[in-house]
Amino acid sequence: MKQLIQILLCSLFFSVNVCAQDQNRINNPETLSETPLYPVPAEMTFEEYKDMNRRMSQAFLWSSIPVPGVTHYYAGENKKARQLFYIGLGGLACIIAGAVSMEEGTWPDYDENIHVIHNEGQDDEKWYERIPVRMEGDVIHYDLKEIHKEQNGDGGGLIALGAVIIVADFIYDRLWGFQKIEEKRDRVRFKYGQQLNLSFNPTFDLSAGKVGLGMNMSFQL
């Protein structure tokens, strides 16, 4: 008899799962269509309902948007999302300020014994440094190494700082945003899962040779 009850329980769970999937495909044939309506506990708040239904697939889609704080925004952490957004703006401001502060480079002090200038005064002006490679008698042979204008200002440091801020901001937003979504979902499911009361009522009709099994699900509110 115990084996029969176990078989019936397994069959019931399998049937309920299959029926739920079929019903979900019927009610929700498209990925972007509305979620089917299910009963929820009366004491569940709207915020808890949203936390429970946040999907990681949607979180990944939101995270593909190159905006700092967007993952925390989807997780419902609006205050943290704004903070991360402003931090990202600060990093972008550092990059812009660094680019603006970098003055046009200047050529080094000219030394006729070292430097060779090609197309002097023109747009395609180029400077070369003469590097001695060998000597034949009194004749010295040189190789020419092109040199470039020397950049002035501290813009490079600001640009590097801004890039580090933006990268760190994105990493924090994504990693901790995903963790916050999982944490909120688990908290709601654990809270109301403890209140869920599932019971089975087997019925037997020996005269008719029938065996039945009823399932009752309720919340302890």
N, C-alpha and C. Protein backbone atom coordinates (compact mmCIF):
# COMPACT_ATOMS: atom_id res chain seq x y z
N MET A 1 0.83 -1.20 0.00
CA MET A 1 0.00 0.00 0.00
C MET A 1 0.87 1.26 0.00
N LYS A 2 1.96 1.24 0.78
CA LYS A 2 2.85 2.40 0.80
C LYS A 2 3.46 2.64 -0.57
N GLN A 3 3.83 1.53 -1.25
CA GLN A 3 4.40 1.69 -2.58
C GLN A 3 3.38 2.28 -3.54
N LEU A 4 2.11 1.89 -3.38
CA LEU A 4 1.06 2.42 -4.25
C LEU A 4 0.89 3.92 -4.03
N ILE A 5 0.93 4.33 -2.76
CA ILE A 5 0.79 5.77 -2.46
C ILE A 5 1.96 6.55 -3.03
N GLN A 6 3.19 6.00 -2.90
CA GLN A 6 4.36 6.68 -3.44
C GLN A 6 4.26 6.82 -4.95
N ILE A 7 3.78 5.76 -5.61
CA ILE A 7 3.62 5.83 -7.07
C ILE A 7 2.60 6.88 -7.45
N LEU A 8 1.50 6.93 -6.68
CA LEU A 8 0.47 7.93 -6.97
C LEU A 8 0.99 9.35 -6.75
N LEU A 9 1.79 9.55 -5.70
CA LEU A 9 2.35 10.87 -5.44
C LEU A 9 3.27 11.31 -6.57
N CYS A 10 4.13 10.40 -7.01
CA CYS A 10 5.05 10.73 -8.12
C CYS A 10 4.27 11.04 -9.38
N SER A 11 3.24 10.24 -9.64
CA SER A 11 2.44 10.47 -10.84
C SER A 11 1.72 11.81 -10.77
N LEU A 12 1.24 12.15 -9.57
CA LEU A 12 0.53 13.41 -9.41
C LEU A 12 1.45 14.60 -9.63
N PHE A 13 2.65 14.55 -9.03
CA PHE A 13 3.59 15.65 -9.23
C PHE A 13 3.98 15.79 -10.69
N PHE A 14 4.19 14.66 -11.36
CA PHE A 14 4.55 14.70 -12.77
C PHE A 14 3.41 15.29 -13.60
N SER A 15 2.19 14.88 -13.29
CA SER A 15 1.03 15.37 -14.05
C SER A 15 0.82 16.86 -13.82
N VAL A 16 0.98 17.29 -12.55
CA VAL A 16 0.81 18.71 -12.25
C VAL A 16 1.85 19.55 -12.97
N ASN A 17 3.09 19.06 -13.01
CA ASN A 17 4.17 19.78 -13.68
C ASN A 17 3.93 19.89 -15.17
N VAL A 18 3.52 18.77 -15.78
CA VAL A 18 3.26 18.77 -17.22
C VAL A 18 2.08 19.67 -17.55
N CYS A 19 1.02 19.58 -16.76
CA CYS A 19 -0.16 20.42 -17.01
C CYS A 19 0.17 21.90 -16.85
N ALA A 20 0.99 22.21 -15.85
CA ALA A 20 1.36 23.61 -15.65
C ALA A 20 2.18 24.14 -16.81
N GLN A 21 3.10 23.30 -17.33
CA GLN A 21 3.89 23.72 -18.48
C GLN A 21 3.03 23.88 -19.72
N ASP A 22 2.10 22.95 -19.93
CA ASP A 22 1.21 23.06 -21.09
C ASP A 22 0.33 24.30 -20.97
N GLN A 23 -0.19 24.53 -19.78
CA GLN A 23 -1.04 25.70 -19.59
C GLN A 23 -0.25 26.99 -19.78
N ASN A 24 1.01 26.98 -19.34
CA ASN A 24 1.84 28.16 -19.51
C ASN A 24 2.13 28.43 -20.97
N ARG A 25 2.33 27.36 -21.75
CA ARG A 25 2.55 27.54 -23.19
C ARG A 25 1.28 28.04 -23.87
N ILE A 26 0.12 27.59 -23.39
CA ILE A 26 -1.13 28.04 -23.99
C ILE A 26 -1.39 29.50 -23.65
N ASN A 27 -1.22 29.84 -22.37
CA ASN A 27 -1.49 31.21 -21.95
C ASN A 27 -0.37 32.17 -22.32
N ASN A 28 0.83 31.65 -22.49
CA ASN A 28 1.98 32.50 -22.74
C ASN A 28 2.80 31.95 -23.90
N PRO A 29 2.25 31.94 -25.13
CA PRO A 29 2.94 31.33 -26.26
C PRO A 29 4.16 32.11 -26.70
N GLU A 30 4.24 33.39 -26.39
CA GLU A 30 5.35 34.22 -26.80
C GLU A 30 6.15 34.64 -25.58
N THR A 31 7.46 34.81 -25.80
CA THR A 31 8.34 35.16 -24.70
C THR A 31 8.01 36.53 -24.12
N LEU A 32 7.59 37.45 -24.97
CA LEU A 32 7.35 38.82 -24.52
C LEU A 32 5.91 39.08 -24.11
N SER A 33 5.06 38.06 -24.11
CA SER A 33 3.67 38.27 -23.72
C SER A 33 3.56 38.38 -22.20
N GLU A 34 2.37 38.73 -21.73
CA GLU A 34 2.18 38.95 -20.30
C GLU A 34 2.28 37.64 -19.52
N THR A 35 2.74 37.77 -18.27
CA THR A 35 2.85 36.61 -17.39
C THR A 35 1.46 36.17 -16.94
N PRO A 36 1.17 34.87 -16.94
CA PRO A 36 -0.15 34.40 -16.47
C PRO A 36 -0.40 34.85 -15.03
N LEU A 37 -1.66 35.04 -14.70
CA LEU A 37 -2.05 35.50 -13.37
C LEU A 37 -2.18 34.32 -12.42
N TYR A 38 -1.47 34.37 -11.30
CA TYR A 38 -1.53 33.33 -10.29
C TYR A 38 -1.95 33.96 -8.97
N PRO A 39 -2.60 33.20 -8.10
CA PRO A 39 -2.96 33.75 -6.78
C PRO A 39 -1.72 33.98 -5.93
N VAL A 40 -1.73 35.06 -5.16
CA VAL A 40 -0.62 35.40 -4.28
C VAL A 40 -1.16 35.60 -2.88
N PRO A 41 -0.33 35.42 -1.85
CA PRO A 41 -0.79 35.65 -0.47
C PRO A 41 -1.28 37.09 -0.29
N ALA A 42 -2.29 37.25 0.52
CA ALA A 42 -2.90 38.57 0.71
C ALA A 42 -1.93 39.56 1.34
N GLU A 43 -1.02 39.08 2.18
CA GLU A 43 -0.11 39.99 2.87
C GLU A 43 1.13 40.32 2.04
N MET A 44 1.30 39.73 0.87
CA MET A 44 2.45 40.02 0.03
C MET A 44 2.32 41.43 -0.55
N THR A 45 3.36 42.24 -0.35
CA THR A 45 3.34 43.60 -0.87
C THR A 45 3.69 43.59 -2.35
N PHE A 46 3.42 44.73 -2.99
CA PHE A 46 3.73 44.84 -4.42
C PHE A 46 5.23 44.80 -4.66
N GLU A 47 6.02 45.37 -3.75
CA GLU A 47 7.47 45.32 -3.89
C GLU A 47 7.97 43.89 -3.79
N GLU A 48 7.41 43.11 -2.85
CA GLU A 48 7.81 41.70 -2.73
C GLU A 48 7.42 40.93 -3.98
N TYR A 49 6.26 41.25 -4.53
CA TYR A 49 5.82 40.57 -5.76
C TYR A 49 6.78 40.87 -6.91
N LYS A 50 7.22 42.12 -7.02
CA LYS A 50 8.18 42.47 -8.07
C LYS A 50 9.52 41.80 -7.83
N ASP A 51 9.96 41.75 -6.56
CA ASP A 51 11.23 41.10 -6.25
C ASP A 51 11.20 39.62 -6.63
N MET A 52 10.08 38.96 -6.35
CA MET A 52 9.97 37.53 -6.63
C MET A 52 9.98 37.24 -8.12
N ASN A 53 9.49 38.17 -8.94
CA ASN A 53 9.33 37.93 -10.37
C ASN A 53 10.45 38.54 -11.21
N ARG A 54 11.48 39.07 -10.57
CA ARG A 54 12.60 39.58 -11.36
C ARG A 54 13.38 38.40 -11.95
N ARG A 55 13.68 38.49 -13.23
CA ARG A 55 14.33 37.39 -13.95
C ARG A 55 15.78 37.75 -14.25
N MET A 56 16.66 36.75 -14.12
CA MET A 56 18.06 36.99 -14.42
C MET A 56 18.27 37.25 -15.91
N SER A 57 17.44 36.62 -16.76
CA SER A 57 17.58 36.87 -18.20
C SER A 57 17.31 38.34 -18.51
N GLN A 58 16.30 38.93 -17.86
CA GLN A 58 16.03 40.34 -18.04
C GLN A 58 17.15 41.19 -17.46
N ALA A 59 17.72 40.74 -16.35
CA ALA A 59 18.83 41.48 -15.74
C ALA A 59 20.03 41.53 -16.69
N PHE A 60 20.31 40.42 -17.38
CA PHE A 60 21.41 40.42 -18.34
C PHE A 60 21.13 41.36 -19.50
N LEU A 61 19.88 41.42 -19.94
CA LEU A 61 19.52 42.33 -21.02
C LEU A 61 19.70 43.78 -20.57
N TRP A 62 19.24 44.09 -19.38
CA TRP A 62 19.43 45.45 -18.87
C TRP A 62 20.91 45.78 -18.72
N SER A 63 21.70 44.80 -18.30
CA SER A 63 23.13 45.04 -18.08
C SER A 63 23.89 45.27 -19.38
N SER A 64 23.31 44.87 -20.50
CA SER A 64 23.97 45.12 -21.78
C SER A 64 23.91 46.59 -22.18
N ILE A 65 23.07 47.37 -21.50
CA ILE A 65 23.00 48.81 -21.77
C ILE A 65 24.21 49.48 -21.10
N PRO A 66 25.04 50.20 -21.85
CA PRO A 66 26.27 50.77 -21.27
C PRO A 66 26.00 52.02 -20.43
N VAL A 67 25.22 51.86 -19.38
CA VAL A 67 24.90 52.97 -18.47
C VAL A 67 25.21 52.50 -17.05
N PRO A 68 26.04 53.20 -16.29
CA PRO A 68 26.34 52.78 -14.92
C PRO A 68 25.08 52.79 -14.05
N GLY A 69 24.91 51.74 -13.24
CA GLY A 69 23.79 51.66 -12.32
C GLY A 69 22.55 51.01 -12.87
N VAL A 70 22.56 50.60 -14.14
CA VAL A 70 21.33 50.08 -14.74
C VAL A 70 20.93 48.73 -14.14
N THR A 71 21.90 47.92 -13.71
CA THR A 71 21.58 46.62 -13.10
C THR A 71 20.92 46.82 -11.74
N HIS A 72 21.44 47.74 -10.94
CA HIS A 72 20.82 48.04 -9.65
C HIS A 72 19.44 48.66 -9.85
N TYR A 73 19.25 49.40 -10.92
CA TYR A 73 17.94 49.97 -11.19
C TYR A 73 16.92 48.86 -11.44
N TYR A 74 17.31 47.84 -12.23
CA TYR A 74 16.39 46.72 -12.46
C TYR A 74 16.15 45.94 -11.18
N ALA A 75 17.15 45.90 -10.30
CA ALA A 75 17.01 45.18 -9.03
C ALA A 75 16.13 45.93 -8.03
N GLY A 76 15.68 47.13 -8.38
CA GLY A 76 14.86 47.91 -7.46
C GLY A 76 15.65 48.76 -6.49
N GLU A 77 16.97 48.83 -6.67
CA GLU A 77 17.82 49.64 -5.80
C GLU A 77 18.04 51.00 -6.47
N ASN A 78 17.00 51.83 -6.44
CA ASN A 78 17.07 53.10 -7.18
C ASN A 78 18.10 54.07 -6.60
N LYS A 79 18.21 54.12 -5.27
CA LYS A 79 19.18 55.02 -4.65
C LYS A 79 20.60 54.64 -5.03
N LYS A 80 20.92 53.36 -4.92
CA LYS A 80 22.26 52.90 -5.30
C LYS A 80 22.50 53.08 -6.79
N ALA A 81 21.46 52.89 -7.60
CA ALA A 81 21.60 53.08 -9.05
C ALA A 81 21.96 54.52 -9.37
N ARG A 82 21.33 55.48 -8.69
CA ARG A 82 21.66 56.89 -8.92
C ARG A 82 23.09 57.19 -8.49
N GLN A 83 23.52 56.63 -7.36
CA GLN A 83 24.89 56.84 -6.91
C GLN A 83 25.89 56.33 -7.93
N LEU A 84 25.66 55.12 -8.43
CA LEU A 84 26.57 54.55 -9.42
C LEU A 84 26.55 55.36 -10.71
N PHE A 85 25.38 55.88 -11.07
CA PHE A 85 25.28 56.69 -12.29
C PHE A 85 26.11 57.97 -12.15
N TYR A 86 26.00 58.63 -11.00
CA TYR A 86 26.75 59.86 -10.79
C TYR A 86 28.26 59.58 -10.70
N ILE A 87 28.63 58.45 -10.12
CA ILE A 87 30.05 58.08 -10.08
C ILE A 87 30.57 57.88 -11.49
N GLY A 88 29.78 57.20 -12.33
CA GLY A 88 30.18 57.03 -13.73
C GLY A 88 30.30 58.36 -14.45
N LEU A 89 29.38 59.30 -14.16
CA LEU A 89 29.49 60.64 -14.76
C LEU A 89 30.77 61.33 -14.29
N GLY A 90 31.14 61.11 -13.03
CA GLY A 90 32.39 61.69 -12.53
C GLY A 90 33.60 61.14 -13.28
N GLY A 91 33.59 59.83 -13.55
CA GLY A 91 34.68 59.26 -14.33
C GLY A 91 34.74 59.82 -15.74
N LEU A 92 33.56 59.99 -16.36
CA LEU A 92 33.52 60.57 -17.70
C LEU A 92 34.01 62.01 -17.68
N ALA A 93 33.66 62.76 -16.62
CA ALA A 93 34.13 64.14 -16.50
C ALA A 93 35.65 64.19 -16.38
N CYS A 94 36.24 63.23 -15.67
CA CYS A 94 37.70 63.18 -15.56
C CYS A 94 38.34 62.96 -16.93
N ILE A 95 37.76 62.07 -17.72
CA ILE A 95 38.31 61.82 -19.06
C ILE A 95 38.22 63.07 -19.92
N ILE A 96 37.07 63.75 -19.89
CA ILE A 96 36.90 64.96 -20.70
C ILE A 96 37.86 66.06 -20.23
N ALA A 97 37.96 66.24 -18.90
CA ALA A 97 38.86 67.26 -18.38
C ALA A 97 40.31 66.95 -18.73
N GLY A 98 40.67 65.68 -18.68
CA GLY A 98 42.03 65.31 -19.04
C GLY A 98 42.33 65.58 -20.50
N ALA A 99 41.36 65.27 -21.37
CA ALA A 99 41.57 65.52 -22.80
C ALA A 99 41.68 67.01 -23.10
N VAL A 100 40.87 67.82 -22.39
CA VAL A 100 40.92 69.27 -22.62
C VAL A 100 42.21 69.87 -22.10
N SER A 101 42.69 69.37 -20.95
CA SER A 101 43.88 69.95 -20.33
C SER A 101 45.17 69.59 -21.05
N MET A 102 45.10 68.60 -21.91
CA MET A 102 46.31 68.21 -22.64
C MET A 102 46.54 69.19 -23.78
N GLU A 103 47.56 70.04 -23.63
CA GLU A 103 47.89 71.02 -24.66
C GLU A 103 48.55 70.33 -25.84
N GLU A 104 48.54 71.07 -26.95
CA GLU A 104 49.21 70.52 -28.13
C GLU A 104 50.70 70.39 -27.84
N GLY A 105 51.25 69.27 -28.21
CA GLY A 105 52.65 69.01 -27.92
C GLY A 105 53.59 69.96 -28.64
N THR A 106 54.78 70.07 -28.11
CA THR A 106 55.81 70.93 -28.72
C THR A 106 57.04 70.08 -29.02
N TRP A 107 57.81 70.55 -30.01
CA TRP A 107 59.04 69.85 -30.35
C TRP A 107 60.10 70.13 -29.28
N PRO A 108 61.01 69.21 -29.09
CA PRO A 108 62.09 69.46 -28.12
C PRO A 108 63.03 70.56 -28.62
N ASP A 109 63.88 71.03 -27.75
CA ASP A 109 64.85 72.06 -28.14
C ASP A 109 65.75 71.54 -29.25
N TYR A 110 65.88 72.35 -30.28
CA TYR A 110 66.61 71.91 -31.47
C TYR A 110 68.11 71.91 -31.21
N ASP A 111 68.74 70.85 -31.65
CA ASP A 111 70.20 70.71 -31.60
C ASP A 111 70.65 70.24 -32.97
N GLU A 112 71.39 71.09 -33.66
CA GLU A 112 71.78 70.77 -35.03
C GLU A 112 72.66 69.54 -35.13
N ASN A 113 73.32 69.19 -34.04
CA ASN A 113 74.17 68.00 -34.05
C ASN A 113 73.37 66.71 -33.84
N ILE A 114 72.14 66.85 -33.41
CA ILE A 114 71.33 65.66 -33.09
C ILE A 114 70.12 65.54 -33.99
N HIS A 115 69.46 66.65 -34.26
CA HIS A 115 68.15 66.62 -34.91
C HIS A 115 68.25 66.91 -36.40
N VAL A 116 67.35 66.25 -37.13
CA VAL A 116 67.16 66.49 -38.55
C VAL A 116 65.68 66.77 -38.76
N ILE A 117 65.37 67.89 -39.43
CA ILE A 117 63.97 68.30 -39.63
C ILE A 117 63.61 68.12 -41.10
N HIS A 118 62.49 67.46 -41.33
CA HIS A 118 61.98 67.24 -42.69
C HIS A 118 60.68 68.01 -42.86
N ASN A 119 60.56 68.77 -43.97
CA ASN A 119 59.38 69.60 -44.25
C ASN A 119 59.13 70.59 -43.11
N GLU A 120 60.16 71.33 -42.76
CA GLU A 120 60.05 72.27 -41.65
C GLU A 120 59.01 73.34 -41.94
N GLY A 121 58.14 73.59 -40.95
CA GLY A 121 57.12 74.61 -41.06
C GLY A 121 55.86 74.17 -41.78
N GLN A 122 55.81 72.95 -42.28
CA GLN A 122 54.64 72.47 -43.00
C GLN A 122 53.80 71.56 -42.09
N ASP A 123 52.61 71.21 -42.59
CA ASP A 123 51.71 70.38 -41.78
C ASP A 123 52.28 68.99 -41.53
N ASP A 124 53.05 68.48 -42.48
CA ASP A 124 53.63 67.14 -42.34
C ASP A 124 55.07 67.20 -41.86
N GLU A 125 55.38 68.21 -41.05
CA GLU A 125 56.73 68.35 -40.52
C GLU A 125 57.08 67.15 -39.64
N LYS A 126 58.28 66.64 -39.84
CA LYS A 126 58.76 65.50 -39.06
C LYS A 126 60.17 65.77 -38.56
N TRP A 127 60.41 65.29 -37.35
CA TRP A 127 61.73 65.42 -36.74
C TRP A 127 62.34 64.04 -36.57
N TYR A 128 63.66 64.01 -36.72
CA TYR A 128 64.39 62.76 -36.56
C TYR A 128 65.60 63.01 -35.66
N GLU A 129 65.94 61.99 -34.93
CA GLU A 129 67.13 62.03 -34.08
C GLU A 129 68.21 61.17 -34.72
N ARG A 130 69.38 61.75 -34.86
CA ARG A 130 70.50 61.02 -35.47
C ARG A 130 71.18 60.16 -34.41
N ILE A 131 71.22 58.87 -34.69
CA ILE A 131 71.84 57.92 -33.77
C ILE A 131 73.05 57.31 -34.46
N PRO A 132 74.26 57.52 -33.93
CA PRO A 132 75.46 56.95 -34.57
C PRO A 132 75.46 55.42 -34.47
N VAL A 133 75.79 54.77 -35.59
CA VAL A 133 75.80 53.31 -35.63
C VAL A 133 77.18 52.73 -35.93
N ARG A 134 77.97 53.48 -36.73
CA ARG A 134 79.33 53.01 -37.01
C ARG A 134 80.17 54.19 -37.50
N MET A 135 81.45 53.94 -37.52
CA MET A 135 82.39 54.99 -37.91
C MET A 135 83.43 54.40 -38.85
N GLU A 136 83.63 55.05 -39.99
CA GLU A 136 84.64 54.64 -40.97
C GLU A 136 85.63 55.78 -41.13
N GLY A 137 86.80 55.63 -40.53
CA GLY A 137 87.77 56.72 -40.54
C GLY A 137 87.24 57.89 -39.74
N ASP A 138 87.14 59.03 -40.43
CA ASP A 138 86.59 60.22 -39.79
C ASP A 138 85.11 60.42 -40.09
N VAL A 139 84.50 59.45 -40.80
CA VAL A 139 83.10 59.56 -41.21
C VAL A 139 82.23 58.75 -40.24
N ILE A 140 81.25 59.41 -39.71
CA ILE A 140 80.31 58.76 -38.78
C ILE A 140 79.00 58.51 -39.51
N HIS A 141 78.50 57.28 -39.43
CA HIS A 141 77.23 56.91 -40.06
C HIS A 141 76.13 56.89 -38.99
N TYR A 142 74.97 57.40 -39.40
CA TYR A 142 73.86 57.54 -38.45
C TYR A 142 72.62 56.80 -38.97
N ASP A 143 71.82 56.39 -38.02
CA ASP A 143 70.44 55.99 -38.30
C ASP A 143 69.52 57.09 -37.80
N LEU A 144 68.40 57.27 -38.52
CA LEU A 144 67.44 58.30 -38.14
C LEU A 144 66.26 57.67 -37.41
N LYS A 145 66.00 58.16 -36.23
CA LYS A 145 64.86 57.70 -35.43
C LYS A 145 63.86 58.85 -35.30
N GLU A 146 62.63 58.60 -35.76
CA GLU A 146 61.63 59.65 -35.71
C GLU A 146 61.23 59.95 -34.27
N ILE A 147 61.11 61.23 -33.97
CA ILE A 147 60.66 61.67 -32.65
C ILE A 147 59.37 62.47 -32.82
N HIS A 148 58.60 62.54 -31.77
CA HIS A 148 57.29 63.19 -31.82
C HIS A 148 57.24 64.34 -30.82
N LYS A 149 56.19 65.14 -30.95
CA LYS A 149 56.02 66.26 -30.04
C LYS A 149 55.81 65.76 -28.62
N GLU A 150 56.33 66.52 -27.68
CA GLU A 150 56.18 66.17 -26.27
C GLU A 150 54.90 66.80 -25.74
N GLN A 151 54.02 65.94 -25.15
CA GLN A 151 52.75 66.42 -24.61
C GLN A 151 52.99 67.16 -23.30
N ASN A 152 52.22 68.23 -23.13
CA ASN A 152 52.30 69.02 -21.90
C ASN A 152 51.04 68.83 -21.08
N GLY A 153 51.10 69.14 -19.80
CA GLY A 153 49.92 69.04 -18.94
C GLY A 153 49.81 67.67 -18.29
N ASP A 154 48.85 67.55 -17.35
CA ASP A 154 48.63 66.32 -16.60
C ASP A 154 47.37 65.61 -17.07
N GLY A 155 46.97 65.83 -18.31
CA GLY A 155 45.73 65.23 -18.81
C GLY A 155 45.76 63.72 -18.84
N GLY A 156 46.92 63.13 -19.06
CA GLY A 156 47.00 61.67 -19.12
C GLY A 156 46.60 61.02 -17.81
N GLY A 157 46.98 61.62 -16.69
CA GLY A 157 46.61 61.07 -15.39
C GLY A 157 45.11 61.13 -15.15
N LEU A 158 44.49 62.24 -15.56
CA LEU A 158 43.03 62.36 -15.40
C LEU A 158 42.29 61.37 -16.28
N ILE A 159 42.78 61.17 -17.49
CA ILE A 159 42.14 60.21 -18.39
C ILE A 159 42.23 58.80 -17.81
N ALA A 160 43.40 58.44 -17.30
CA ALA A 160 43.56 57.10 -16.71
C ALA A 160 42.67 56.94 -15.47
N LEU A 161 42.60 57.99 -14.65
CA LEU A 161 41.75 57.93 -13.45
C LEU A 161 40.28 57.77 -13.83
N GLY A 162 39.84 58.53 -14.83
CA GLY A 162 38.44 58.41 -15.27
C GLY A 162 38.12 57.03 -15.80
N ALA A 163 39.06 56.45 -16.56
CA ALA A 163 38.83 55.11 -17.11
C ALA A 163 38.72 54.08 -15.99
N VAL A 164 39.58 54.19 -14.98
CA VAL A 164 39.54 53.26 -13.84
C VAL A 164 38.21 53.39 -13.09
N ILE A 165 37.75 54.61 -12.90
CA ILE A 165 36.48 54.83 -12.19
C ILE A 165 35.32 54.19 -12.94
N ILE A 166 35.27 54.40 -14.25
CA ILE A 166 34.16 53.86 -15.04
C ILE A 166 34.18 52.34 -15.05
N VAL A 167 35.35 51.74 -15.25
CA VAL A 167 35.45 50.27 -15.28
C VAL A 167 35.04 49.68 -13.93
N ALA A 168 35.56 50.24 -12.84
CA ALA A 168 35.21 49.74 -11.51
C ALA A 168 33.72 49.93 -11.23
N ASP A 169 33.16 51.03 -11.71
CA ASP A 169 31.73 51.29 -11.51
C ASP A 169 30.88 50.25 -12.22
N PHE A 170 31.25 49.92 -13.45
CA PHE A 170 30.50 48.91 -14.20
C PHE A 170 30.61 47.54 -13.53
N ILE A 171 31.81 47.17 -13.10
CA ILE A 171 32.00 45.85 -12.48
C ILE A 171 31.18 45.75 -11.19
N TYR A 172 31.22 46.77 -10.36
CA TYR A 172 30.44 46.76 -9.12
C TYR A 172 28.96 46.66 -9.41
N ASP A 173 28.49 47.44 -10.38
CA ASP A 173 27.06 47.45 -10.70
C ASP A 173 26.60 46.08 -11.16
N ARG A 174 27.38 45.44 -12.02
CA ARG A 174 26.95 44.14 -12.56
C ARG A 174 27.01 43.06 -11.49
N LEU A 175 28.15 42.90 -10.84
CA LEU A 175 28.31 41.79 -9.90
C LEU A 175 27.35 41.91 -8.71
N TRP A 176 27.35 43.07 -8.06
CA TRP A 176 26.51 43.22 -6.87
C TRP A 176 25.05 43.41 -7.26
N GLY A 177 24.78 43.87 -8.46
CA GLY A 177 23.40 43.96 -8.92
C GLY A 177 22.77 42.60 -9.10
N PHE A 178 23.51 41.67 -9.74
CA PHE A 178 23.00 40.31 -9.89
C PHE A 178 22.81 39.64 -8.53
N GLN A 179 23.77 39.87 -7.62
CA GLN A 179 23.66 39.28 -6.29
C GLN A 179 22.44 39.83 -5.55
N LYS A 180 22.16 41.11 -5.70
CA LYS A 180 21.01 41.71 -5.02
C LYS A 180 19.70 41.14 -5.56
N ILE A 181 19.62 40.89 -6.86
CA ILE A 181 18.41 40.29 -7.44
C ILE A 181 18.18 38.90 -6.85
N GLU A 182 19.22 38.08 -6.82
CA GLU A 182 19.10 36.74 -6.25
C GLU A 182 18.71 36.80 -4.78
N GLU A 183 19.32 37.72 -4.05
CA GLU A 183 19.03 37.82 -2.61
C GLU A 183 17.58 38.21 -2.37
N LYS A 184 17.06 39.15 -3.12
CA LYS A 184 15.67 39.57 -2.94
C LYS A 184 14.70 38.45 -3.31
N ARG A 185 14.98 37.76 -4.41
CA ARG A 185 14.11 36.65 -4.80
C ARG A 185 14.10 35.57 -3.74
N ASP A 186 15.28 35.21 -3.24
CA ASP A 186 15.36 34.15 -2.22
C ASP A 186 14.65 34.56 -0.94
N ARG A 187 14.76 35.84 -0.56
CA ARG A 187 14.13 36.29 0.68
C ARG A 187 12.61 36.16 0.60
N VAL A 188 12.02 36.56 -0.53
CA VAL A 188 10.57 36.49 -0.68
C VAL A 188 10.11 35.04 -0.75
N ARG A 189 10.82 34.22 -1.52
CA ARG A 189 10.42 32.81 -1.65
C ARG A 189 10.55 32.08 -0.32
N PHE A 190 11.58 32.39 0.44
CA PHE A 190 11.76 31.74 1.74
C PHE A 190 10.66 32.18 2.71
N LYS A 191 10.32 33.46 2.71
CA LYS A 191 9.31 33.98 3.63
C LYS A 191 7.95 33.33 3.40
N TYR A 192 7.52 33.30 2.16
CA TYR A 192 6.19 32.78 1.88
C TYR A 192 6.20 31.27 1.64
N GLY A 193 7.37 30.71 1.37
CA GLY A 193 7.46 29.26 1.27
C GLY A 193 7.25 28.59 2.61
N GLN A 194 7.67 29.27 3.70
CA GLN A 194 7.44 28.72 5.03
C GLN A 194 5.96 28.71 5.41
N GLN A 195 5.20 29.61 4.81
CA GLN A 195 3.78 29.69 5.12
C GLN A 195 2.94 28.75 4.26
N LEU A 196 3.58 28.14 3.28
CA LEU A 196 2.85 27.27 2.36
C LEU A 196 2.57 25.94 3.03
N ASN A 197 1.33 25.53 3.01
CA ASN A 197 0.92 24.27 3.63
C ASN A 197 0.35 23.38 2.53
N LEU A 198 1.05 22.28 2.25
CA LEU A 198 0.65 21.35 1.19
C LEU A 198 0.26 20.02 1.83
N SER A 199 -0.94 19.57 1.55
CA SER A 199 -1.43 18.32 2.13
C SER A 199 -2.07 17.46 1.06
N PHE A 200 -2.02 16.13 1.30
CA PHE A 200 -2.60 15.15 0.37
C PHE A 200 -3.66 14.34 1.12
N ASN A 201 -4.76 14.10 0.43
CA ASN A 201 -5.87 13.34 1.01
C ASN A 201 -6.18 12.13 0.11
N PRO A 202 -5.58 10.98 0.44
CA PRO A 202 -5.87 9.80 -0.38
C PRO A 202 -7.27 9.26 -0.09
N THR A 203 -7.94 8.78 -1.10
CA THR A 203 -9.28 8.19 -0.96
C THR A 203 -9.27 6.81 -1.59
N PHE A 204 -9.97 5.89 -0.95
CA PHE A 204 -10.02 4.51 -1.43
C PHE A 204 -11.48 4.08 -1.53
N ASP A 205 -11.82 3.46 -2.61
CA ASP A 205 -13.16 2.88 -2.80
C ASP A 205 -12.94 1.42 -3.18
N LEU A 206 -12.89 0.56 -2.11
CA LEU A 206 -12.57 -0.85 -2.35
C LEU A 206 -13.67 -1.55 -3.13
N SER A 207 -14.91 -1.13 -2.91
CA SER A 207 -16.01 -1.80 -3.62
C SER A 207 -15.94 -1.54 -5.12
N ALA A 208 -15.54 -0.32 -5.48
CA ALA A 208 -15.45 0.02 -6.90
C ALA A 208 -14.05 -0.23 -7.46
N GLY A 209 -13.13 -0.55 -6.57
CA GLY A 209 -11.76 -0.79 -7.02
C GLY A 209 -11.08 0.47 -7.51
N LYS A 210 -11.37 1.61 -6.87
CA LYS A 210 -10.80 2.90 -7.29
C LYS A 210 -9.97 3.48 -6.16
N VAL A 211 -8.91 4.13 -6.56
CA VAL A 211 -8.03 4.83 -5.61
C VAL A 211 -7.88 6.27 -6.09
N GLY A 212 -8.07 7.23 -5.20
CA GLY A 212 -7.96 8.64 -5.56
C GLY A 212 -7.01 9.38 -4.64
N LEU A 213 -6.57 10.52 -5.09
CA LEU A 213 -5.64 11.32 -4.29
C LEU A 213 -5.98 12.80 -4.51
N GLY A 214 -6.28 13.49 -3.42
CA GLY A 214 -6.58 14.92 -3.50
C GLY A 214 -5.44 15.73 -2.91
N MET A 215 -5.20 16.89 -3.49
CA MET A 215 -4.12 17.75 -3.03
C MET A 215 -4.71 19.09 -2.61
N ASN A 216 -4.29 19.57 -1.45
CA ASN A 216 -4.77 20.85 -0.93
C ASN A 216 -3.57 21.73 -0.61
N MET A 217 -3.58 22.96 -1.12
CA MET A 217 -2.48 23.89 -0.89
C MET A 217 -3.05 25.18 -0.32
N SER A 218 -2.49 25.62 0.81
CA SER A 218 -2.98 26.83 1.46
C SER A 218 -1.82 27.55 2.12
N PHE A 219 -2.05 28.81 2.49
CA PHE A 219 -1.06 29.62 3.18
C PHE A 219 -1.48 29.81 4.62
N GLN A 220 -0.50 29.70 5.52
CA GLN A 220 -0.76 29.90 6.95
C GLN A 220 -0.57 31.39 7.26
N LEU A 221 -1.62 32.15 7.09
CA LEU A 221 -1.54 33.60 7.27
C LEU A 221 -2.17 34.02 8.59
